[in-house]
Amino acid sequence: MFLPLSTSTHFETVSPADHPLRTLLTSAPVIYLAYFSLKFLRHINSGTTITFLPRNPLFTFSVRPGRAPLSVSEKKSGFLKSYNGPIGTAFLGLLFFAAAQLLLVLIFKRAEYNW
């Protein structure tokens, strides 16, 4: 079997209504990333403390302003925390924003492969 010598890809604009399940599955991470992007960017001056549970980071991820200590119950549950200064907070906010925007654009695009 011979493989083609070259392939090309271009992105075609599509309606989100063409694939409603893909739109729903992509919209959830867009909203999640945009929400945390705004939380990071809101607390740039004081920095942020990120807390999460390693067993379930998706649903236990939280952003708190400043240097926030863990409560006794959070320590017993195994939560981890990380303090980020103002520069790190700004970088994470912009990174989450860029990821949300990329996913939002991909809702309206479909890859077409030419062999």
PDB file of N, CA and C in Angstrom:
ATOM      1  N   MET A   1       0.848  -1.175   0.000  1.00  0.00           N
ATOM      2  CA  MET A   1       0.000   0.000   0.000  1.00  0.00           C
ATOM      3  C   MET A   1       0.894   1.239   0.000  1.00  0.00           C
ATOM      4  N   PHE A   2       0.616   2.153  -0.889  1.00  0.00           N
ATOM      5  CA  PHE A   2       1.408   3.364  -1.012  1.00  0.00           C
ATOM      6  C   PHE A   2       0.731   4.510  -0.265  1.00  0.00           C
ATOM      7  N   LEU A   3       1.531   5.272   0.440  1.00  0.00           N
ATOM      8  CA  LEU A   3       1.039   6.467   1.103  1.00  0.00           C
ATOM      9  C   LEU A   3       1.247   7.661   0.192  1.00  0.00           C
ATOM     10  N   PRO A   4       0.356   8.618   0.214  1.00  0.00           N
ATOM     11  CA  PRO A   4       0.554   9.801  -0.619  1.00  0.00           C
ATOM     12  C   PRO A   4       1.790  10.575  -0.166  1.00  0.00           C
ATOM     13  N   LEU A   5       2.414  11.231  -1.122  1.00  0.00           N
ATOM     14  CA  LEU A   5       3.631  11.970  -0.814  1.00  0.00           C
ATOM     15  C   LEU A   5       3.363  13.239  -0.023  1.00  0.00           C
ATOM     16  N   SER A   6       2.207  13.813  -0.207  1.00  0.00           N
ATOM     17  CA  SER A   6       1.921  15.034   0.536  1.00  0.00           C
ATOM     18  C   SER A   6       0.445  15.086   0.913  1.00  0.00           C
ATOM     19  N   THR A   7       0.219  15.652   2.027  1.00  0.00           N
ATOM     20  CA  THR A   7      -1.153  15.889   2.470  1.00  0.00           C
ATOM     21  C   THR A   7      -1.255  17.350   2.868  1.00  0.00           C
ATOM     22  N   SER A   8      -2.442  17.846   2.790  1.00  0.00           N
ATOM     23  CA  SER A   8      -2.647  19.222   3.224  1.00  0.00           C
ATOM     24  C   SER A   8      -3.920  19.295   4.053  1.00  0.00           C
ATOM     25  N   THR A   9      -3.954  20.277   4.879  1.00  0.00           N
ATOM     26  CA  THR A   9      -5.100  20.484   5.759  1.00  0.00           C
ATOM     27  C   THR A   9      -5.511  21.938   5.672  1.00  0.00           C
ATOM     28  N   HIS A  10      -6.782  22.163   5.571  1.00  0.00           N
ATOM     29  CA  HIS A  10      -7.290  23.520   5.699  1.00  0.00           C
ATOM     30  C   HIS A  10      -8.527  23.475   6.587  1.00  0.00           C
ATOM     31  N   PHE A  11      -8.795  24.581   7.224  1.00  0.00           N
ATOM     32  CA  PHE A  11      -9.928  24.659   8.137  1.00  0.00           C
ATOM     33  C   PHE A  11     -11.091  25.340   7.447  1.00  0.00           C
ATOM     34  N   GLU A  12     -12.213  24.684   7.477  1.00  0.00           N
ATOM     35  CA  GLU A  12     -13.424  25.187   6.841  1.00  0.00           C
ATOM     36  C   GLU A  12     -14.358  25.728   7.925  1.00  0.00           C
ATOM     37  N   THR A  13     -14.972  26.850   7.663  1.00  0.00           N
ATOM     38  CA  THR A  13     -15.910  27.429   8.613  1.00  0.00           C
ATOM     39  C   THR A  13     -17.224  26.663   8.563  1.00  0.00           C
ATOM     40  N   VAL A  14     -17.706  26.277   9.736  1.00  0.00           N
ATOM     41  CA  VAL A  14     -18.955  25.528   9.833  1.00  0.00           C
ATOM     42  C   VAL A  14     -19.845  26.171  10.886  1.00  0.00           C
ATOM     43  N   SER A  15     -21.097  25.803  10.847  1.00  0.00           N
ATOM     44  CA  SER A  15     -22.044  26.284  11.843  1.00  0.00           C
ATOM     45  C   SER A  15     -21.989  25.378  13.065  1.00  0.00           C
ATOM     46  N   PRO A  16     -22.037  25.938  14.273  1.00  0.00           N
ATOM     47  CA  PRO A  16     -22.074  25.095  15.467  1.00  0.00           C
ATOM     48  C   PRO A  16     -23.327  24.220  15.522  1.00  0.00           C
ATOM     49  N   ALA A  17     -24.361  24.606  14.809  1.00  0.00           N
ATOM     50  CA  ALA A  17     -25.591  23.812  14.795  1.00  0.00           C
ATOM     51  C   ALA A  17     -25.433  22.527  13.987  1.00  0.00           C
ATOM     52  N   ASP A  18     -24.404  22.443  13.136  1.00  0.00           N
ATOM     53  CA  ASP A  18     -24.164  21.219  12.370  1.00  0.00           C
ATOM     54  C   ASP A  18     -23.786  20.044  13.266  1.00  0.00           C
ATOM     55  N   HIS A  19     -23.062  20.323  14.327  1.00  0.00           N
ATOM     56  CA  HIS A  19     -22.625  19.293  15.266  1.00  0.00           C
ATOM     57  C   HIS A  19     -22.930  19.749  16.694  1.00  0.00           C
ATOM     58  N   PRO A  20     -24.179  19.628  17.137  1.00  0.00           N
ATOM     59  CA  PRO A  20     -24.540  20.153  18.455  1.00  0.00           C
ATOM     60  C   PRO A  20     -23.807  19.467  19.608  1.00  0.00           C
ATOM     61  N   LEU A  21     -23.518  18.180  19.497  1.00  0.00           N
ATOM     62  CA  LEU A  21     -22.817  17.489  20.580  1.00  0.00           C
ATOM     63  C   LEU A  21     -21.387  18.003  20.708  1.00  0.00           C
ATOM     64  N   ARG A  22     -20.713  18.198  19.573  1.00  0.00           N
ATOM     65  CA  ARG A  22     -19.354  18.747  19.608  1.00  0.00           C
ATOM     66  C   ARG A  22     -19.367  20.161  20.189  1.00  0.00           C
ATOM     67  N   THR A  23     -20.390  20.926  19.854  1.00  0.00           N
ATOM     68  CA  THR A  23     -20.504  22.287  20.380  1.00  0.00           C
ATOM     69  C   THR A  23     -20.679  22.278  21.887  1.00  0.00           C
ATOM     70  N   LEU A  24     -21.527  21.395  22.393  1.00  0.00           N
ATOM     71  CA  LEU A  24     -21.733  21.304  23.842  1.00  0.00           C
ATOM     72  C   LEU A  24     -20.470  20.830  24.559  1.00  0.00           C
ATOM     73  N   LEU A  25     -19.797  19.833  23.996  1.00  0.00           N
ATOM     74  CA  LEU A  25     -18.593  19.314  24.630  1.00  0.00           C
ATOM     75  C   LEU A  25     -17.443  20.310  24.599  1.00  0.00           C
ATOM     76  N   THR A  26     -17.404  21.168  23.615  1.00  0.00           N
ATOM     77  CA  THR A  26     -16.354  22.182  23.534  1.00  0.00           C
ATOM     78  C   THR A  26     -16.718  23.426  24.334  1.00  0.00           C
ATOM     79  N   SER A  27     -18.000  23.724  24.457  1.00  0.00           N
ATOM     80  CA  SER A  27     -18.422  24.920  25.186  1.00  0.00           C
ATOM     81  C   SER A  27     -18.159  24.802  26.685  1.00  0.00           C
ATOM     82  N   ALA A  28     -18.254  23.603  27.227  1.00  0.00           N
ATOM     83  CA  ALA A  28     -18.017  23.427  28.662  1.00  0.00           C
ATOM     84  C   ALA A  28     -16.585  23.820  29.048  1.00  0.00           C
ATOM     85  N   PRO A  29     -15.540  23.336  28.357  1.00  0.00           N
ATOM     86  CA  PRO A  29     -14.195  23.793  28.706  1.00  0.00           C
ATOM     87  C   PRO A  29     -13.968  25.283  28.429  1.00  0.00           C
ATOM     88  N   VAL A  30     -14.632  25.825  27.418  1.00  0.00           N
ATOM     89  CA  VAL A  30     -14.498  27.258  27.134  1.00  0.00           C
ATOM     90  C   VAL A  30     -15.005  28.070  28.323  1.00  0.00           C
ATOM     91  N   ILE A  31     -16.155  27.718  28.822  1.00  0.00           N
ATOM     92  CA  ILE A  31     -16.727  28.437  29.972  1.00  0.00           C
ATOM     93  C   ILE A  31     -15.857  28.252  31.206  1.00  0.00           C
ATOM     94  N   TYR A  32     -15.369  27.039  31.438  1.00  0.00           N
ATOM     95  CA  TYR A  32     -14.519  26.733  32.590  1.00  0.00           C
ATOM     96  C   TYR A  32     -13.229  27.556  32.537  1.00  0.00           C
ATOM     97  N   LEU A  33     -12.557  27.556  31.397  1.00  0.00           N
ATOM     98  CA  LEU A  33     -11.304  28.299  31.256  1.00  0.00           C
ATOM     99  C   LEU A  33     -11.521  29.808  31.324  1.00  0.00           C
ATOM    100  N   ALA A  34     -12.591  30.290  30.719  1.00  0.00           N
ATOM    101  CA  ALA A  34     -12.868  31.734  30.759  1.00  0.00           C
ATOM    102  C   ALA A  34     -13.179  32.189  32.185  1.00  0.00           C
ATOM    103  N   TYR A  35     -13.908  31.378  32.935  1.00  0.00           N
ATOM    104  CA  TYR A  35     -14.246  31.722  34.322  1.00  0.00           C
ATOM    105  C   TYR A  35     -12.967  31.854  35.159  1.00  0.00           C
ATOM    106  N   PHE A  36     -12.077  30.860  35.074  1.00  0.00           N
ATOM    107  CA  PHE A  36     -10.857  30.926  35.868  1.00  0.00           C
ATOM    108  C   PHE A  36      -9.891  31.975  35.341  1.00  0.00           C
ATOM    109  N   SER A  37      -9.936  32.269  34.060  1.00  0.00           N
ATOM    110  CA  SER A  37      -9.130  33.358  33.524  1.00  0.00           C
ATOM    111  C   SER A  37      -9.524  34.676  34.175  1.00  0.00           C
ATOM    112  N   LEU A  38     -10.820  34.913  34.267  1.00  0.00           N
ATOM    113  CA  LEU A  38     -11.295  36.143  34.912  1.00  0.00           C
ATOM    114  C   LEU A  38     -10.946  36.184  36.394  1.00  0.00           C
ATOM    115  N   LYS A  39     -10.991  35.021  37.070  1.00  0.00           N
ATOM    116  CA  LYS A  39     -10.616  34.993  38.488  1.00  0.00           C
ATOM    117  C   LYS A  39      -9.142  35.326  38.666  1.00  0.00           C
ATOM    118  N   PHE A  40      -8.282  34.792  37.793  1.00  0.00           N
ATOM    119  CA  PHE A  40      -6.854  35.118  37.875  1.00  0.00           C
ATOM    120  C   PHE A  40      -6.626  36.592  37.603  1.00  0.00           C
ATOM    121  N   LEU A  41      -7.215  37.106  36.538  1.00  0.00           N
ATOM    122  CA  LEU A  41      -6.982  38.497  36.160  1.00  0.00           C
ATOM    123  C   LEU A  41      -7.587  39.482  37.161  1.00  0.00           C
ATOM    124  N   ARG A  42      -8.584  39.064  37.896  1.00  0.00           N
ATOM    125  CA  ARG A  42      -9.199  39.939  38.899  1.00  0.00           C
ATOM    126  C   ARG A  42      -8.272  40.159  40.097  1.00  0.00           C
ATOM    127  N   HIS A  43      -7.443  39.174  40.410  1.00  0.00           N
ATOM    128  CA  HIS A  43      -6.610  39.236  41.611  1.00  0.00           C
ATOM    129  C   HIS A  43      -5.127  39.390  41.285  1.00  0.00           C
ATOM    130  N   ILE A  44      -4.798  40.145  40.253  1.00  0.00           N
ATOM    131  CA  ILE A  44      -3.391  40.290  39.861  1.00  0.00           C
ATOM    132  C   ILE A  44      -2.584  40.998  40.944  1.00  0.00           C
ATOM    133  N   ASN A  45      -3.090  42.064  41.529  1.00  0.00           N
ATOM    134  CA  ASN A  45      -2.307  42.842  42.481  1.00  0.00           C
ATOM    135  C   ASN A  45      -1.913  42.057  43.722  1.00  0.00           C
ATOM    136  N   SER A  46      -2.811  41.228  44.246  1.00  0.00           N
ATOM    137  CA  SER A  46      -2.510  40.492  45.474  1.00  0.00           C
ATOM    138  C   SER A  46      -1.926  39.116  45.205  1.00  0.00           C
ATOM    139  N   GLY A  47      -1.919  38.676  43.966  1.00  0.00           N
ATOM    140  CA  GLY A  47      -1.499  37.317  43.659  1.00  0.00           C
ATOM    141  C   GLY A  47      -2.643  36.352  43.966  1.00  0.00           C
ATOM    142  N   THR A  48      -2.443  35.091  43.699  1.00  0.00           N
ATOM    143  CA  THR A  48      -3.491  34.105  43.946  1.00  0.00           C
ATOM    144  C   THR A  48      -2.904  32.840  44.551  1.00  0.00           C
ATOM    145  N   THR A  49      -3.760  32.130  45.265  1.00  0.00           N
ATOM    146  CA  THR A  49      -3.426  30.807  45.770  1.00  0.00           C
ATOM    147  C   THR A  49      -4.334  29.815  45.067  1.00  0.00           C
ATOM    148  N   ILE A  50      -3.723  28.839  44.428  1.00  0.00           N
ATOM    149  CA  ILE A  50      -4.475  27.790  43.749  1.00  0.00           C
ATOM    150  C   ILE A  50      -4.565  26.603  44.700  1.00  0.00           C
ATOM    151  N   THR A  51      -5.759  26.086  44.897  1.00  0.00           N
ATOM    152  CA  THR A  51      -5.935  24.884  45.702  1.00  0.00           C
ATOM    153  C   THR A  51      -6.676  23.842  44.877  1.00  0.00           C
ATOM    154  N   PHE A  52      -6.292  22.581  45.060  1.00  0.00           N
ATOM    155  CA  PHE A  52      -6.970  21.503  44.356  1.00  0.00           C
ATOM    156  C   PHE A  52      -6.667  20.179  45.059  1.00  0.00           C
ATOM    157  N   LEU A  53      -7.497  19.209  44.795  1.00  0.00           N
ATOM    158  CA  LEU A  53      -7.331  17.860  45.308  1.00  0.00           C
ATOM    159  C   LEU A  53      -6.749  17.010  44.179  1.00  0.00           C
ATOM    160  N   PRO A  54      -5.574  16.398  44.357  1.00  0.00           N
ATOM    161  CA  PRO A  54      -4.944  15.653  43.260  1.00  0.00           C
ATOM    162  C   PRO A  54      -5.798  14.515  42.700  1.00  0.00           C
ATOM    163  N   ARG A  55      -6.655  13.929  43.508  1.00  0.00           N
ATOM    164  CA  ARG A  55      -7.505  12.845  43.010  1.00  0.00           C
ATOM    165  C   ARG A  55      -8.592  13.343  42.071  1.00  0.00           C
ATOM    166  N   ASN A  56      -8.988  14.599  42.198  1.00  0.00           N
ATOM    167  CA  ASN A  56     -10.074  15.151  41.390  1.00  0.00           C
ATOM    168  C   ASN A  56      -9.784  16.625  41.093  1.00  0.00           C
ATOM    169  N   PRO A  57      -8.760  16.927  40.296  1.00  0.00           N
ATOM    170  CA  PRO A  57      -8.381  18.330  40.101  1.00  0.00           C
ATOM    171  C   PRO A  57      -9.386  19.139  39.288  1.00  0.00           C
ATOM    172  N   LEU A  58     -10.142  18.497  38.427  1.00  0.00           N
ATOM    173  CA  LEU A  58     -11.064  19.233  37.561  1.00  0.00           C
ATOM    174  C   LEU A  58     -12.183  19.908  38.366  1.00  0.00           C
ATOM    175  N   PHE A  59     -12.707  19.217  39.351  1.00  0.00           N
ATOM    176  CA  PHE A  59     -13.846  19.747  40.099  1.00  0.00           C
ATOM    177  C   PHE A  59     -13.467  20.392  41.426  1.00  0.00           C
ATOM    178  N   THR A  60     -12.236  20.207  41.887  1.00  0.00           N
ATOM    179  CA  THR A  60     -11.831  20.816  43.154  1.00  0.00           C
ATOM    180  C   THR A  60     -10.892  21.992  42.962  1.00  0.00           C
ATOM    181  N   PHE A  61     -10.558  22.348  41.742  1.00  0.00           N
ATOM    182  CA  PHE A  61      -9.670  23.468  41.437  1.00  0.00           C
ATOM    183  C   PHE A  61     -10.338  24.759  41.891  1.00  0.00           C
ATOM    184  N   SER A  62      -9.620  25.563  42.676  1.00  0.00           N
ATOM    185  CA  SER A  62     -10.167  26.863  43.086  1.00  0.00           C
ATOM    186  C   SER A  62      -9.045  27.893  43.134  1.00  0.00           C
ATOM    187  N   VAL A  63      -9.419  29.136  42.954  1.00  0.00           N
ATOM    188  CA  VAL A  63      -8.486  30.258  42.956  1.00  0.00           C
ATOM    189  C   VAL A  63      -8.927  31.214  44.055  1.00  0.00           C
ATOM    190  N   ARG A  64      -8.001  31.497  44.974  1.00  0.00           N
ATOM    191  CA  ARG A  64      -8.287  32.408  46.089  1.00  0.00           C
ATOM    192  C   ARG A  64      -7.339  33.594  46.032  1.00  0.00           C
ATOM    193  N   PRO A  65      -7.807  34.770  46.404  1.00  0.00           N
ATOM    194  CA  PRO A  65      -6.926  35.942  46.359  1.00  0.00           C
ATOM    195  C   PRO A  65      -5.884  35.908  47.471  1.00  0.00           C
ATOM    196  N   GLY A  66      -4.679  36.393  47.158  1.00  0.00           N
ATOM    197  CA  GLY A  66      -3.619  36.513  48.158  1.00  0.00           C
ATOM    198  C   GLY A  66      -3.074  35.172  48.620  1.00  0.00           C
ATOM    199  N   ARG A  67      -2.395  35.195  49.775  1.00  0.00           N
ATOM    200  CA  ARG A  67      -1.859  33.963  50.363  1.00  0.00           C
ATOM    201  C   ARG A  67      -2.921  33.381  51.279  1.00  0.00           C
ATOM    202  N   ALA A  68      -3.669  32.444  50.781  1.00  0.00           N
ATOM    203  CA  ALA A  68      -4.762  31.839  51.552  1.00  0.00           C
ATOM    204  C   ALA A  68      -4.296  30.519  52.151  1.00  0.00           C
ATOM    205  N   PRO A  69      -4.448  30.344  53.473  1.00  0.00           N
ATOM    206  CA  PRO A  69      -4.063  29.070  54.091  1.00  0.00           C
ATOM    207  C   PRO A  69      -5.135  28.006  53.866  1.00  0.00           C
ATOM    208  N   LEU A  70      -4.725  26.747  53.946  1.00  0.00           N
ATOM    209  CA  LEU A  70      -5.684  25.651  53.870  1.00  0.00           C
ATOM    210  C   LEU A  70      -6.318  25.441  55.241  1.00  0.00           C
ATOM    211  N   SER A  71      -7.591  25.118  55.241  1.00  0.00           N
ATOM    212  CA  SER A  71      -8.249  24.815  56.504  1.00  0.00           C
ATOM    213  C   SER A  71      -7.818  23.418  56.973  1.00  0.00           C
ATOM    214  N   VAL A  72      -8.119  23.095  58.211  1.00  0.00           N
ATOM    215  CA  VAL A  72      -7.733  21.796  58.772  1.00  0.00           C
ATOM    216  C   VAL A  72      -8.403  20.663  58.002  1.00  0.00           C
ATOM    217  N   SER A  73      -9.671  20.833  57.634  1.00  0.00           N
ATOM    218  CA  SER A  73     -10.374  19.775  56.895  1.00  0.00           C
ATOM    219  C   SER A  73      -9.796  19.590  55.493  1.00  0.00           C
ATOM    220  N   GLU A  74      -9.349  20.684  54.874  1.00  0.00           N
ATOM    221  CA  GLU A  74      -8.729  20.574  53.550  1.00  0.00           C
ATOM    222  C   GLU A  74      -7.384  19.859  53.638  1.00  0.00           C
ATOM    223  N   LYS A  75      -6.626  20.127  54.692  1.00  0.00           N
ATOM    224  CA  LYS A  75      -5.342  19.447  54.873  1.00  0.00           C
ATOM    225  C   LYS A  75      -5.546  17.952  55.075  1.00  0.00           C
ATOM    226  N   LYS A  76      -6.560  17.593  55.858  1.00  0.00           N
ATOM    227  CA  LYS A  76      -6.839  16.171  56.096  1.00  0.00           C
ATOM    228  C   LYS A  76      -7.314  15.470  54.829  1.00  0.00           C
ATOM    229  N   SER A  77      -8.030  16.198  53.971  1.00  0.00           N
ATOM    230  CA  SER A  77      -8.527  15.611  52.722  1.00  0.00           C
ATOM    231  C   SER A  77      -7.418  15.420  51.692  1.00  0.00           C
ATOM    232  N   GLY A  78      -6.293  16.129  51.870  1.00  0.00           N
ATOM    233  CA  GLY A  78      -5.178  15.980  50.944  1.00  0.00           C
ATOM    234  C   GLY A  78      -5.081  17.087  49.909  1.00  0.00           C
ATOM    235  N   PHE A  79      -5.716  18.223  50.152  1.00  0.00           N
ATOM    236  CA  PHE A  79      -5.640  19.344  49.218  1.00  0.00           C
ATOM    237  C   PHE A  79      -4.214  19.876  49.139  1.00  0.00           C
ATOM    238  N   LEU A  80      -3.840  20.355  47.968  1.00  0.00           N
ATOM    239  CA  LEU A  80      -2.557  21.012  47.759  1.00  0.00           C
ATOM    240  C   LEU A  80      -2.804  22.466  47.438  1.00  0.00           C
ATOM    241  N   LYS A  81      -1.812  23.308  47.763  1.00  0.00           N
ATOM    242  CA  LYS A  81      -1.954  24.729  47.431  1.00  0.00           C
ATOM    243  C   LYS A  81      -0.660  25.240  46.837  1.00  0.00           C
ATOM    244  N   SER A  82      -0.793  26.297  46.053  1.00  0.00           N
ATOM    245  CA  SER A  82       0.352  26.924  45.428  1.00  0.00           C
ATOM    246  C   SER A  82       0.078  28.421  45.335  1.00  0.00           C
ATOM    247  N   TYR A  83       0.981  29.220  45.895  1.00  0.00           N
ATOM    248  CA  TYR A  83       0.832  30.668  45.800  1.00  0.00           C
ATOM    249  C   TYR A  83       1.550  31.168  44.554  1.00  0.00           C
ATOM    250  N   ASN A  84       0.896  32.044  43.812  1.00  0.00           N
ATOM    251  CA  ASN A  84       1.485  32.684  42.634  1.00  0.00           C
ATOM    252  C   ASN A  84       1.525  34.181  42.879  1.00  0.00           C
ATOM    253  N   GLY A  85       2.646  34.781  42.591  1.00  0.00           N
ATOM    254  CA  GLY A  85       2.773  36.225  42.713  1.00  0.00           C
ATOM    255  C   GLY A  85       2.012  36.928  41.598  1.00  0.00           C
ATOM    256  N   PRO A  86       2.073  38.255  41.557  1.00  0.00           N
ATOM    257  CA  PRO A  86       1.339  39.011  40.546  1.00  0.00           C
ATOM    258  C   PRO A  86       1.712  38.652  39.100  1.00  0.00           C
ATOM    259  N   ILE A  87       2.992  38.422  38.827  1.00  0.00           N
ATOM    260  CA  ILE A  87       3.402  38.094  37.454  1.00  0.00           C
ATOM    261  C   ILE A  87       2.895  36.714  37.061  1.00  0.00           C
ATOM    262  N   GLY A  88       3.030  35.744  37.948  1.00  0.00           N
ATOM    263  CA  GLY A  88       2.528  34.396  37.668  1.00  0.00           C
ATOM    264  C   GLY A  88       1.021  34.367  37.505  1.00  0.00           C
ATOM    265  N   THR A  89       0.330  35.162  38.305  1.00  0.00           N
ATOM    266  CA  THR A  89      -1.123  35.243  38.203  1.00  0.00           C
ATOM    267  C   THR A  89      -1.542  35.835  36.868  1.00  0.00           C
ATOM    268  N   ALA A  90      -0.854  36.883  36.439  1.00  0.00           N
ATOM    269  CA  ALA A  90      -1.170  37.494  35.145  1.00  0.00           C
ATOM    270  C   ALA A  90      -0.902  36.515  34.009  1.00  0.00           C
ATOM    271  N   PHE A  91       0.213  35.781  34.089  1.00  0.00           N
ATOM    272  CA  PHE A  91       0.537  34.809  33.047  1.00  0.00           C
ATOM    273  C   PHE A  91      -0.524  33.706  32.986  1.00  0.00           C
ATOM    274  N   LEU A  92      -0.916  33.170  34.139  1.00  0.00           N
ATOM    275  CA  LEU A  92      -1.932  32.115  34.143  1.00  0.00           C
ATOM    276  C   LEU A  92      -3.275  32.632  33.625  1.00  0.00           C
ATOM    277  N   GLY A  93      -3.632  33.854  33.987  1.00  0.00           N
ATOM    278  CA  GLY A  93      -4.873  34.436  33.487  1.00  0.00           C
ATOM    279  C   GLY A  93      -4.869  34.558  31.974  1.00  0.00           C
ATOM    280  N   LEU A  94      -3.775  35.030  31.420  1.00  0.00           N
ATOM    281  CA  LEU A  94      -3.680  35.164  29.965  1.00  0.00           C
ATOM    282  C   LEU A  94      -3.607  33.803  29.277  1.00  0.00           C
ATOM    283  N   LEU A  95      -2.951  32.837  29.909  1.00  0.00           N
ATOM    284  CA  LEU A  95      -2.866  31.488  29.344  1.00  0.00           C
ATOM    285  C   LEU A  95      -4.246  30.834  29.298  1.00  0.00           C
ATOM    286  N   PHE A  96      -4.992  30.929  30.368  1.00  0.00           N
ATOM    287  CA  PHE A  96      -6.348  30.366  30.391  1.00  0.00           C
ATOM    288  C   PHE A  96      -7.245  31.091  29.385  1.00  0.00           C
ATOM    289  N   PHE A  97      -7.086  32.411  29.255  1.00  0.00           N
ATOM    290  CA  PHE A  97      -7.873  33.183  28.296  1.00  0.00           C
ATOM    291  C   PHE A  97      -7.563  32.747  26.866  1.00  0.00           C
ATOM    292  N   ALA A  98      -6.271  32.564  26.549  1.00  0.00           N
ATOM    293  CA  ALA A  98      -5.881  32.140  25.206  1.00  0.00           C
ATOM    294  C   ALA A  98      -6.417  30.741  24.887  1.00  0.00           C
ATOM    295  N   ALA A  99      -6.378  29.846  25.862  1.00  0.00           N
ATOM    296  CA  ALA A  99      -6.906  28.496  25.641  1.00  0.00           C
ATOM    297  C   ALA A  99      -8.412  28.539  25.399  1.00  0.00           C
ATOM    298  N   ALA A 100      -9.120  29.370  26.149  1.00  0.00           N
ATOM    299  CA  ALA A 100     -10.569  29.496  25.949  1.00  0.00           C
ATOM    300  C   ALA A 100     -10.881  30.063  24.572  1.00  0.00           C
ATOM    301  N   GLN A 101     -10.116  31.053  24.139  1.00  0.00           N
ATOM    302  CA  GLN A 101     -10.348  31.645  22.826  1.00  0.00           C
ATOM    303  C   GLN A 101     -10.053  30.658  21.700  1.00  0.00           C
ATOM    304  N   LEU A 102      -9.000  29.861  21.848  1.00  0.00           N
ATOM    305  CA  LEU A 102      -8.674  28.855  20.842  1.00  0.00           C
ATOM    306  C   LEU A 102      -9.805  27.829  20.724  1.00  0.00           C
ATOM    307  N   LEU A 103     -10.306  27.355  21.842  1.00  0.00           N
ATOM    308  CA  LEU A 103     -11.414  26.398  21.798  1.00  0.00           C
ATOM    309  C   LEU A 103     -12.673  27.027  21.213  1.00  0.00           C
ATOM    310  N   LEU A 104     -12.892  28.290  21.498  1.00  0.00           N
ATOM    311  CA  LEU A 104     -14.057  28.982  20.952  1.00  0.00           C
ATOM    312  C   LEU A 104     -13.962  29.091  19.429  1.00  0.00           C
ATOM    313  N   VAL A 105     -12.786  29.376  18.918  1.00  0.00           N
ATOM    314  CA  VAL A 105     -12.593  29.442  17.465  1.00  0.00           C
ATOM    315  C   VAL A 105     -12.781  28.064  16.841  1.00  0.00           C
ATOM    316  N   LEU A 106     -12.310  27.020  17.518  1.00  0.00           N
ATOM    317  CA  LEU A 106     -12.418  25.670  16.967  1.00  0.00           C
ATOM    318  C   LEU A 106     -13.857  25.162  16.915  1.00  0.00           C
ATOM    319  N   ILE A 107     -14.757  25.778  17.664  1.00  0.00           N
ATOM    320  CA  ILE A 107     -16.169  25.407  17.553  1.00  0.00           C
ATOM    321  C   ILE A 107     -16.680  25.728  16.147  1.00  0.00           C
ATOM    322  N   PHE A 108     -16.166  26.795  15.553  1.00  0.00           N
ATOM    323  CA  PHE A 108     -16.629  27.253  14.247  1.00  0.00           C
ATOM    324  C   PHE A 108     -15.766  26.764  13.090  1.00  0.00           C
ATOM    325  N   LYS A 109     -14.795  25.896  13.353  1.00  0.00           N
ATOM    326  CA  LYS A 109     -13.904  25.399  12.306  1.00  0.00           C
ATOM    327  C   LYS A 109     -13.911  23.873  12.285  1.00  0.00           C
ATOM    328  N   ARG A 110     -13.703  23.323  11.086  1.00  0.00           N
ATOM    329  CA  ARG A 110     -13.583  21.874  10.916  1.00  0.00           C
ATOM    330  C   ARG A 110     -12.392  21.624  10.006  1.00  0.00           C
ATOM    331  N   ALA A 111     -11.555  20.667  10.387  1.00  0.00           N
ATOM    332  CA  ALA A 111     -10.380  20.343   9.588  1.00  0.00           C
ATOM    333  C   ALA A 111     -10.774  19.503   8.383  1.00  0.00           C
ATOM    334  N   GLU A 112     -10.313  19.911   7.221  1.00  0.00           N
ATOM    335  CA  GLU A 112     -10.515  19.152   5.973  1.00  0.00           C
ATOM    336  C   GLU A 112      -9.144  18.682   5.522  1.00  0.00           C
ATOM    337  N   TYR A 113      -8.992  17.365   5.365  1.00  0.00           N
ATOM    338  CA  TYR A 113      -7.723  16.778   4.966  1.00  0.00           C
ATOM    339  C   TYR A 113      -7.767  16.413   3.485  1.00  0.00           C
ATOM    340  N   ASN A 114      -6.747  16.823   2.760  1.00  0.00           N
ATOM    341  CA  ASN A 114      -6.630  16.504   1.324  1.00  0.00           C
ATOM    342  C   ASN A 114      -5.446  15.569   1.140  1.00  0.00           C
ATOM    343  N   TRP A 115      -5.694  14.436   0.521  1.00  0.00           N
ATOM    344  CA  TRP A 115      -4.630  13.449   0.282  1.00  0.00           C
ATOM    345  C   TRP A 115      -4.048  13.639  -1.070  1.00  0.00           C
TER     346      TRP A 115
END
